[in-house]
Amino acid sequence: MSATNPARAVISWSAQEWIREYIRTKRQAEIVYQDPSGQMVVVHEVLHDILSRAGHDFLVLGTGKVLGVERVLLIDGQELTKQ
């Protein structure tokens, strides 16, 4: 996924299942995402929740940071929007 290609703003059902497993077990994940300026950021965080608002999904990290799913590229090497 590149910054010029529009991304899905909704997580597929199969991706939601494996993300909910991370949330349930409180397992730390390596999350790669693009910040608002387009820079790649890598963090090691616990996933806290998935939120859906107005047809858009968000991931809530353990630190409270909220990421729109279109910015999340990888979770532990798996492409979030390709599921």
C-alpha atoms as a PDB file:
ATOM      1  CA  MET A   1       0.000   0.000   0.000  1.00  0.00           C
ATOM      2  CA  SER A   2       1.345   3.413  -0.829  1.00  0.00           C
ATOM      3  CA  ALA A   3       0.309   6.880   0.220  1.00  0.00           C
ATOM      4  CA  THR A   4      -1.130   7.530  -3.256  1.00  0.00           C
ATOM      5  CA  ASN A   5      -3.425   4.477  -3.300  1.00  0.00           C
ATOM      6  CA  PRO A   6      -6.672   4.755  -1.381  1.00  0.00           C
ATOM      7  CA  ALA A   7      -6.974   2.108   1.300  1.00  0.00           C
ATOM      8  CA  ARG A   8      -9.941   0.354   2.802  1.00  0.00           C
ATOM      9  CA  ALA A   9     -11.253   2.075   5.902  1.00  0.00           C
ATOM     10  CA  VAL A  10     -12.973  -1.073   7.170  1.00  0.00           C
ATOM     11  CA  ILE A  11     -11.286  -4.214   8.502  1.00  0.00           C
ATOM     12  CA  SER A  12     -12.422  -7.489   6.936  1.00  0.00           C
ATOM     13  CA  TRP A  13     -14.155 -10.047   9.139  1.00  0.00           C
ATOM     14  CA  SER A  14     -11.169 -12.443   8.979  1.00  0.00           C
ATOM     15  CA  ALA A  15      -8.748  -9.685  10.006  1.00  0.00           C
ATOM     16  CA  GLN A  16     -11.065  -8.668  12.852  1.00  0.00           C
ATOM     17  CA  GLU A  17     -10.948 -12.240  14.144  1.00  0.00           C
ATOM     18  CA  TRP A  18      -7.157 -12.380  14.445  1.00  0.00           C
ATOM     19  CA  ILE A  19      -6.989  -8.833  15.836  1.00  0.00           C
ATOM     20  CA  ARG A  20      -9.571  -9.729  18.492  1.00  0.00           C
ATOM     21  CA  GLU A  21      -7.324 -12.645  19.469  1.00  0.00           C
ATOM     22  CA  TYR A  22      -4.480 -10.130  20.076  1.00  0.00           C
ATOM     23  CA  ILE A  23      -6.889  -8.007  22.135  1.00  0.00           C
ATOM     24  CA  ARG A  24      -8.176 -10.973  24.148  1.00  0.00           C
ATOM     25  CA  THR A  25      -4.706 -12.327  24.966  1.00  0.00           C
ATOM     26  CA  LYS A  26      -3.112  -8.880  25.435  1.00  0.00           C
ATOM     27  CA  ARG A  27      -0.222 -10.084  23.283  1.00  0.00           C
ATOM     28  CA  GLN A  28       2.193  -7.393  22.146  1.00  0.00           C
ATOM     29  CA  ALA A  29       2.407  -6.834  18.379  1.00  0.00           C
ATOM     30  CA  GLU A  30       4.743  -5.032  16.030  1.00  0.00           C
ATOM     31  CA  ILE A  31       2.590  -2.434  14.282  1.00  0.00           C
ATOM     32  CA  VAL A  32       3.800  -0.581  11.209  1.00  0.00           C
ATOM     33  CA  TYR A  33       1.783   2.468  10.211  1.00  0.00           C
ATOM     34  CA  GLN A  34       2.058   5.801   8.399  1.00  0.00           C
ATOM     35  CA  ASP A  35       1.856   8.939  10.493  1.00  0.00           C
ATOM     36  CA  PRO A  36      -0.058  11.977   9.155  1.00  0.00           C
ATOM     37  CA  SER A  37       3.087  13.274   7.428  1.00  0.00           C
ATOM     38  CA  GLY A  38       3.523   9.968   5.561  1.00  0.00           C
ATOM     39  CA  GLN A  39       6.486   8.716   7.600  1.00  0.00           C
ATOM     40  CA  MET A  40       6.621   5.018   8.448  1.00  0.00           C
ATOM     41  CA  VAL A  41       6.414   4.318  12.182  1.00  0.00           C
ATOM     42  CA  VAL A  42       7.109   0.998  13.902  1.00  0.00           C
ATOM     43  CA  VAL A  43       5.817   0.444  17.434  1.00  0.00           C
ATOM     44  CA  HIS A  44       5.557  -2.559  19.729  1.00  0.00           C
ATOM     45  CA  GLU A  45       2.198  -2.254  21.453  1.00  0.00           C
ATOM     46  CA  VAL A  46      -0.678  -4.208  22.874  1.00  0.00           C
ATOM     47  CA  LEU A  47      -3.871  -3.836  20.842  1.00  0.00           C
ATOM     48  CA  HIS A  48      -6.629  -2.627  23.133  1.00  0.00           C
ATOM     49  CA  ASP A  49      -9.759  -2.410  20.938  1.00  0.00           C
ATOM     50  CA  ILE A  50     -11.320  -2.045  17.492  1.00  0.00           C
ATOM     51  CA  LEU A  51     -13.728   0.863  17.048  1.00  0.00           C
ATOM     52  CA  SER A  52     -16.155   1.408  14.180  1.00  0.00           C
ATOM     53  CA  ARG A  53     -17.605   4.862  13.603  1.00  0.00           C
ATOM     54  CA  ALA A  54     -19.527   6.052  10.538  1.00  0.00           C
ATOM     55  CA  GLY A  55     -18.273   3.212   8.345  1.00  0.00           C
ATOM     56  CA  HIS A  56     -14.645   3.671   9.394  1.00  0.00           C
ATOM     57  CA  ASP A  57     -12.606   1.321  11.600  1.00  0.00           C
ATOM     58  CA  PHE A  58      -9.929   2.336  14.091  1.00  0.00           C
ATOM     59  CA  LEU A  59      -7.435   0.422  16.199  1.00  0.00           C
ATOM     60  CA  VAL A  60      -6.889   1.540  19.776  1.00  0.00           C
ATOM     61  CA  LEU A  61      -3.424   0.778  21.103  1.00  0.00           C
ATOM     62  CA  GLY A  62      -2.625   0.047  24.730  1.00  0.00           C
ATOM     63  CA  THR A  63      -1.218   3.560  25.143  1.00  0.00           C
ATOM     64  CA  GLY A  64      -4.563   5.029  24.057  1.00  0.00           C
ATOM     65  CA  LYS A  65      -3.357   6.089  20.605  1.00  0.00           C
ATOM     66  CA  VAL A  66      -6.107   5.645  17.988  1.00  0.00           C
ATOM     67  CA  LEU A  67      -5.129   4.747  14.412  1.00  0.00           C
ATOM     68  CA  GLY A  68      -7.409   4.766  11.387  1.00  0.00           C
ATOM     69  CA  VAL A  69      -7.022   1.358   9.739  1.00  0.00           C
ATOM     70  CA  GLU A  70      -6.100   2.959   6.417  1.00  0.00           C
ATOM     71  CA  ARG A  71      -2.818   4.051   8.060  1.00  0.00           C
ATOM     72  CA  VAL A  72      -1.950   0.611   9.466  1.00  0.00           C
ATOM     73  CA  LEU A  73       0.247  -1.326   7.062  1.00  0.00           C
ATOM     74  CA  LEU A  74       1.324  -4.404   9.030  1.00  0.00           C
ATOM     75  CA  ILE A  75       0.603  -6.140  12.302  1.00  0.00           C
ATOM     76  CA  ASP A  76       3.301  -8.719  13.053  1.00  0.00           C
ATOM     77  CA  GLY A  77       4.081  -8.905   9.338  1.00  0.00           C
ATOM     78  CA  GLN A  78       0.478  -9.410   8.203  1.00  0.00           C
ATOM     79  CA  GLU A  79      -1.106  -6.815   5.952  1.00  0.00           C
ATOM     80  CA  LEU A  80      -4.210  -5.544   7.701  1.00  0.00           C
ATOM     81  CA  THR A  81      -6.239  -4.390   4.673  1.00  0.00           C
ATOM     82  CA  LYS A  82      -5.343  -7.361   2.444  1.00  0.00           C
ATOM     83  CA  GLN A  83      -7.268  -9.877   4.577  1.00  0.00           C
END
